[in-house]
N, C-alpha and C. Protein backbone atom coordinates (compact mmCIF):
# COMPACT_ATOMS: atom_id res chain seq x y z
N MET A 1 0.82 -1.18 0.00
CA MET A 1 0.00 0.00 0.00
C MET A 1 0.87 1.26 0.00
N GLU A 2 1.95 1.27 0.78
CA GLU A 2 2.82 2.44 0.84
C GLU A 2 3.48 2.68 -0.52
N MET A 3 3.85 1.61 -1.22
CA MET A 3 4.49 1.75 -2.53
C MET A 3 3.51 2.34 -3.53
N ASP A 4 2.23 1.92 -3.46
CA ASP A 4 1.21 2.48 -4.35
C ASP A 4 1.06 3.98 -4.10
N ASP A 5 1.04 4.38 -2.83
CA ASP A 5 0.92 5.80 -2.50
C ASP A 5 2.14 6.57 -3.01
N PHE A 6 3.32 5.98 -2.88
CA PHE A 6 4.54 6.62 -3.35
C PHE A 6 4.48 6.83 -4.86
N ILE A 7 4.06 5.80 -5.58
CA ILE A 7 3.99 5.89 -7.04
C ILE A 7 2.96 6.92 -7.46
N LYS A 8 1.82 6.93 -6.79
CA LYS A 8 0.79 7.92 -7.10
C LYS A 8 1.33 9.33 -6.87
N GLY A 9 2.02 9.52 -5.75
CA GLY A 9 2.60 10.83 -5.46
C GLY A 9 3.64 11.23 -6.47
N LEU A 10 4.42 10.26 -6.91
CA LEU A 10 5.45 10.52 -7.92
C LEU A 10 4.82 10.95 -9.24
N VAL A 11 3.76 10.25 -9.65
CA VAL A 11 3.08 10.58 -10.91
C VAL A 11 2.45 11.97 -10.83
N VAL A 12 1.70 12.21 -9.75
CA VAL A 12 1.03 13.50 -9.61
C VAL A 12 2.06 14.62 -9.50
N GLY A 13 3.12 14.39 -8.72
CA GLY A 13 4.17 15.39 -8.60
C GLY A 13 4.84 15.68 -9.93
N GLY A 14 5.07 14.63 -10.70
CA GLY A 14 5.67 14.81 -12.03
C GLY A 14 4.78 15.63 -12.95
N ILE A 15 3.50 15.36 -12.89
CA ILE A 15 2.57 16.09 -13.75
C ILE A 15 2.50 17.56 -13.32
N ILE A 16 2.42 17.79 -12.01
CA ILE A 16 2.38 19.17 -11.52
C ILE A 16 3.67 19.90 -11.88
N GLY A 17 4.81 19.21 -11.69
CA GLY A 17 6.08 19.82 -12.05
C GLY A 17 6.16 20.12 -13.53
N GLY A 18 5.67 19.21 -14.32
CA GLY A 18 5.65 19.43 -15.77
C GLY A 18 4.79 20.62 -16.15
N ALA A 19 3.64 20.73 -15.51
CA ALA A 19 2.74 21.85 -15.80
C ALA A 19 3.39 23.17 -15.40
N LEU A 20 4.05 23.20 -14.25
CA LEU A 20 4.72 24.43 -13.82
C LEU A 20 5.87 24.77 -14.77
N GLY A 21 6.59 23.77 -15.21
CA GLY A 21 7.66 23.99 -16.17
C GLY A 21 7.15 24.57 -17.47
N ILE A 22 6.01 24.08 -17.89
CA ILE A 22 5.40 24.59 -19.12
C ILE A 22 5.00 26.05 -18.96
N LEU A 23 4.42 26.36 -17.79
CA LEU A 23 3.98 27.73 -17.55
C LEU A 23 5.14 28.73 -17.56
N TYR A 24 6.29 28.30 -17.05
CA TYR A 24 7.42 29.22 -16.95
C TYR A 24 8.40 29.10 -18.12
N ALA A 25 8.14 28.23 -19.05
CA ALA A 25 9.02 28.08 -20.21
C ALA A 25 8.73 29.20 -21.22
N PRO A 26 9.75 29.66 -21.89
CA PRO A 26 9.54 30.74 -22.87
C PRO A 26 8.98 30.20 -24.19
N LYS A 27 7.67 30.02 -24.23
CA LYS A 27 6.99 29.54 -25.44
C LYS A 27 5.87 30.51 -25.76
N SER A 28 5.32 30.33 -26.94
CA SER A 28 4.18 31.16 -27.32
C SER A 28 2.96 30.75 -26.49
N GLY A 29 2.02 31.67 -26.37
CA GLY A 29 0.80 31.39 -25.61
C GLY A 29 0.03 30.21 -26.16
N LYS A 30 -0.04 30.12 -27.47
CA LYS A 30 -0.77 29.02 -28.11
C LYS A 30 -0.12 27.68 -27.77
N LYS A 31 1.20 27.63 -27.86
CA LYS A 31 1.94 26.39 -27.57
C LYS A 31 1.79 26.03 -26.08
N THR A 32 1.88 27.03 -25.23
CA THR A 32 1.75 26.80 -23.78
C THR A 32 0.36 26.27 -23.45
N ARG A 33 -0.68 26.86 -24.03
CA ARG A 33 -2.04 26.39 -23.78
C ARG A 33 -2.23 24.96 -24.26
N ALA A 34 -1.64 24.63 -25.41
CA ALA A 34 -1.73 23.27 -25.94
C ALA A 34 -1.03 22.28 -24.99
N ASP A 35 0.14 22.68 -24.48
CA ASP A 35 0.86 21.82 -23.55
C ASP A 35 0.09 21.63 -22.24
N ILE A 36 -0.51 22.71 -21.75
CA ILE A 36 -1.31 22.61 -20.52
C ILE A 36 -2.51 21.70 -20.75
N SER A 37 -3.14 21.85 -21.90
CA SER A 37 -4.29 21.00 -22.22
C SER A 37 -3.89 19.53 -22.27
N LYS A 38 -2.72 19.26 -22.88
CA LYS A 38 -2.25 17.87 -22.94
C LYS A 38 -1.94 17.34 -21.55
N SER A 39 -1.31 18.16 -20.71
CA SER A 39 -1.01 17.74 -19.34
C SER A 39 -2.29 17.46 -18.56
N ALA A 40 -3.29 18.32 -18.75
CA ALA A 40 -4.57 18.11 -18.07
C ALA A 40 -5.22 16.82 -18.54
N ASP A 41 -5.15 16.54 -19.84
CA ASP A 41 -5.71 15.30 -20.36
C ASP A 41 -4.97 14.09 -19.79
N ASP A 42 -3.65 14.17 -19.71
CA ASP A 42 -2.85 13.08 -19.13
C ASP A 42 -3.22 12.85 -17.67
N LEU A 43 -3.35 13.94 -16.92
CA LEU A 43 -3.72 13.83 -15.51
C LEU A 43 -5.10 13.19 -15.37
N TYR A 44 -6.04 13.60 -16.22
CA TYR A 44 -7.38 13.02 -16.18
C TYR A 44 -7.32 11.52 -16.45
N ASP A 45 -6.56 11.12 -17.48
CA ASP A 45 -6.46 9.69 -17.82
C ASP A 45 -5.85 8.89 -16.67
N LYS A 46 -4.79 9.42 -16.08
CA LYS A 46 -4.15 8.70 -14.98
C LYS A 46 -5.07 8.62 -13.76
N THR A 47 -5.78 9.70 -13.48
CA THR A 47 -6.72 9.70 -12.36
C THR A 47 -7.82 8.68 -12.60
N LYS A 48 -8.32 8.65 -13.83
CA LYS A 48 -9.37 7.69 -14.18
C LYS A 48 -8.86 6.26 -14.02
N ASP A 49 -7.62 5.99 -14.44
CA ASP A 49 -7.03 4.66 -14.29
C ASP A 49 -6.92 4.27 -12.81
N HIS A 50 -6.46 5.20 -11.99
CA HIS A 50 -6.34 4.93 -10.55
C HIS A 50 -7.71 4.66 -9.93
N TYR A 51 -8.69 5.43 -10.34
CA TYR A 51 -10.06 5.24 -9.85
C TYR A 51 -10.58 3.85 -10.21
N GLU A 52 -10.41 3.47 -11.47
CA GLU A 52 -10.90 2.17 -11.92
C GLU A 52 -10.17 1.04 -11.21
N HIS A 53 -8.86 1.20 -11.02
CA HIS A 53 -8.07 0.19 -10.31
C HIS A 53 -8.56 0.06 -8.87
N GLY A 54 -8.79 1.19 -8.21
CA GLY A 54 -9.29 1.18 -6.83
C GLY A 54 -10.67 0.55 -6.75
N LEU A 55 -11.52 0.84 -7.72
CA LEU A 55 -12.86 0.28 -7.75
C LEU A 55 -12.81 -1.24 -7.89
N LYS A 56 -11.91 -1.74 -8.75
CA LYS A 56 -11.76 -3.19 -8.91
C LYS A 56 -11.31 -3.83 -7.61
N LYS A 57 -10.37 -3.19 -6.91
CA LYS A 57 -9.89 -3.73 -5.63
C LYS A 57 -11.03 -3.79 -4.62
N ILE A 58 -11.84 -2.74 -4.58
CA ILE A 58 -12.97 -2.73 -3.65
C ILE A 58 -13.96 -3.83 -3.99
N GLU A 59 -14.25 -4.02 -5.27
CA GLU A 59 -15.17 -5.08 -5.69
C GLU A 59 -14.63 -6.45 -5.31
N GLU A 60 -13.31 -6.65 -5.48
CA GLU A 60 -12.70 -7.91 -5.10
C GLU A 60 -12.82 -8.15 -3.60
N MET A 61 -12.60 -7.09 -2.82
CA MET A 61 -12.71 -7.22 -1.36
C MET A 61 -14.14 -7.54 -0.94
N VAL A 62 -15.11 -6.90 -1.59
CA VAL A 62 -16.52 -7.17 -1.27
C VAL A 62 -16.86 -8.61 -1.62
N ASP A 63 -16.42 -9.07 -2.80
CA ASP A 63 -16.68 -10.45 -3.19
C ASP A 63 -16.05 -11.43 -2.22
N GLN A 64 -14.83 -11.15 -1.83
CA GLN A 64 -14.13 -12.02 -0.88
C GLN A 64 -14.86 -12.03 0.47
N GLY A 65 -15.29 -10.86 0.91
CA GLY A 65 -16.03 -10.78 2.17
C GLY A 65 -17.35 -11.52 2.08
N SER A 66 -18.01 -11.42 0.95
CA SER A 66 -19.28 -12.12 0.75
C SER A 66 -19.08 -13.62 0.78
N ASP A 67 -18.02 -14.09 0.13
CA ASP A 67 -17.71 -15.52 0.13
C ASP A 67 -17.42 -16.01 1.54
N GLN A 68 -16.64 -15.23 2.29
CA GLN A 68 -16.33 -15.61 3.67
C GLN A 68 -17.59 -15.62 4.52
N TYR A 69 -18.47 -14.66 4.32
CA TYR A 69 -19.72 -14.61 5.06
C TYR A 69 -20.54 -15.87 4.80
N THR A 70 -20.68 -16.23 3.52
CA THR A 70 -21.45 -17.42 3.15
C THR A 70 -20.84 -18.67 3.76
N GLU A 71 -19.52 -18.77 3.70
CA GLU A 71 -18.82 -19.93 4.26
C GLU A 71 -19.05 -20.02 5.77
N LYS A 72 -18.90 -18.92 6.48
CA LYS A 72 -19.10 -18.91 7.94
C LYS A 72 -20.55 -19.22 8.29
N LYS A 73 -21.47 -18.70 7.49
CA LYS A 73 -22.89 -18.95 7.73
C LYS A 73 -23.20 -20.45 7.60
N GLU A 74 -22.64 -21.08 6.58
CA GLU A 74 -22.86 -22.52 6.39
C GLU A 74 -22.27 -23.33 7.53
N LYS A 75 -21.07 -22.95 7.99
CA LYS A 75 -20.45 -23.66 9.12
C LYS A 75 -21.30 -23.52 10.37
N LEU A 76 -21.81 -22.32 10.61
CA LEU A 76 -22.66 -22.09 11.78
C LEU A 76 -23.94 -22.90 11.67
N LYS A 77 -24.52 -22.94 10.49
CA LYS A 77 -25.76 -23.70 10.28
C LYS A 77 -25.52 -25.18 10.57
N LYS A 78 -24.41 -25.73 10.07
CA LYS A 78 -24.09 -27.14 10.31
C LYS A 78 -23.84 -27.40 11.79
N SER A 79 -23.18 -26.47 12.46
CA SER A 79 -22.92 -26.62 13.89
C SER A 79 -24.23 -26.62 14.68
N ILE A 80 -25.13 -25.71 14.32
CA ILE A 80 -26.42 -25.66 15.01
C ILE A 80 -27.21 -26.93 14.77
N GLU A 81 -27.21 -27.41 13.53
CA GLU A 81 -27.92 -28.64 13.20
C GLU A 81 -27.35 -29.81 13.98
N ALA A 82 -26.03 -29.87 14.09
CA ALA A 82 -25.39 -30.95 14.85
C ALA A 82 -25.75 -30.83 16.33
N GLY A 83 -25.78 -29.60 16.85
CA GLY A 83 -26.17 -29.39 18.25
C GLY A 83 -27.60 -29.81 18.51
N VAL A 84 -28.50 -29.47 17.61
CA VAL A 84 -29.91 -29.84 17.75
C VAL A 84 -30.06 -31.36 17.70
N LYS A 85 -29.34 -31.99 16.80
CA LYS A 85 -29.41 -33.45 16.67
C LYS A 85 -28.92 -34.11 17.96
N THR A 86 -27.82 -33.62 18.48
CA THR A 86 -27.27 -34.17 19.72
C THR A 86 -28.24 -33.96 20.87
N LEU A 87 -28.84 -32.78 20.95
CA LEU A 87 -29.80 -32.50 22.00
C LEU A 87 -31.00 -33.43 21.91
N LYS A 88 -31.51 -33.66 20.71
CA LYS A 88 -32.65 -34.56 20.53
C LYS A 88 -32.27 -35.98 20.95
N GLU A 89 -31.07 -36.42 20.58
CA GLU A 89 -30.62 -37.76 20.96
C GLU A 89 -30.49 -37.87 22.48
N ASP A 90 -29.94 -36.84 23.11
CA ASP A 90 -29.80 -36.86 24.57
C ASP A 90 -31.16 -36.85 25.25
N LEU A 91 -32.12 -36.07 24.72
CA LEU A 91 -33.47 -36.05 25.29
C LEU A 91 -34.14 -37.41 25.14
N ALA A 92 -33.95 -38.05 23.98
CA ALA A 92 -34.52 -39.36 23.75
C ALA A 92 -33.94 -40.37 24.73
N SER A 93 -32.63 -40.31 24.94
CA SER A 93 -31.97 -41.22 25.90
C SER A 93 -32.44 -40.93 27.31
N PHE A 94 -32.64 -39.70 27.66
CA PHE A 94 -33.07 -39.32 28.99
C PHE A 94 -34.48 -39.82 29.25
N ARG A 95 -35.34 -39.73 28.24
CA ARG A 95 -36.73 -40.17 28.39
C ARG A 95 -36.83 -41.68 28.55
N LYS A 96 -35.93 -42.41 27.88
CA LYS A 96 -35.93 -43.86 27.97
C LYS A 96 -35.46 -44.31 29.35
N ALA A 97 -34.60 -43.53 29.96
CA ALA A 97 -34.00 -43.92 31.23
C ALA A 97 -34.93 -43.73 32.39
């Protein structure tokens, strides 16, 4: 997780640094605006990629949690059924005695 944050910070920092470099570079206004527009598009694409990646991770975690819930629920159900069966057997033995 820390490495992902580092990489994200590196990418965002690079884009911001690039944008500042473009702003202070001696270019024509038209060229500078085009470069800023391209940088903004790149930032949007990278942000969208990070969002989609994060969304996939969340979906995977939800699926995994759902699977674990179902598994635990089934184990509990079997344990309760076994307990009820044992109780019925013990009651039957007690009544016979």
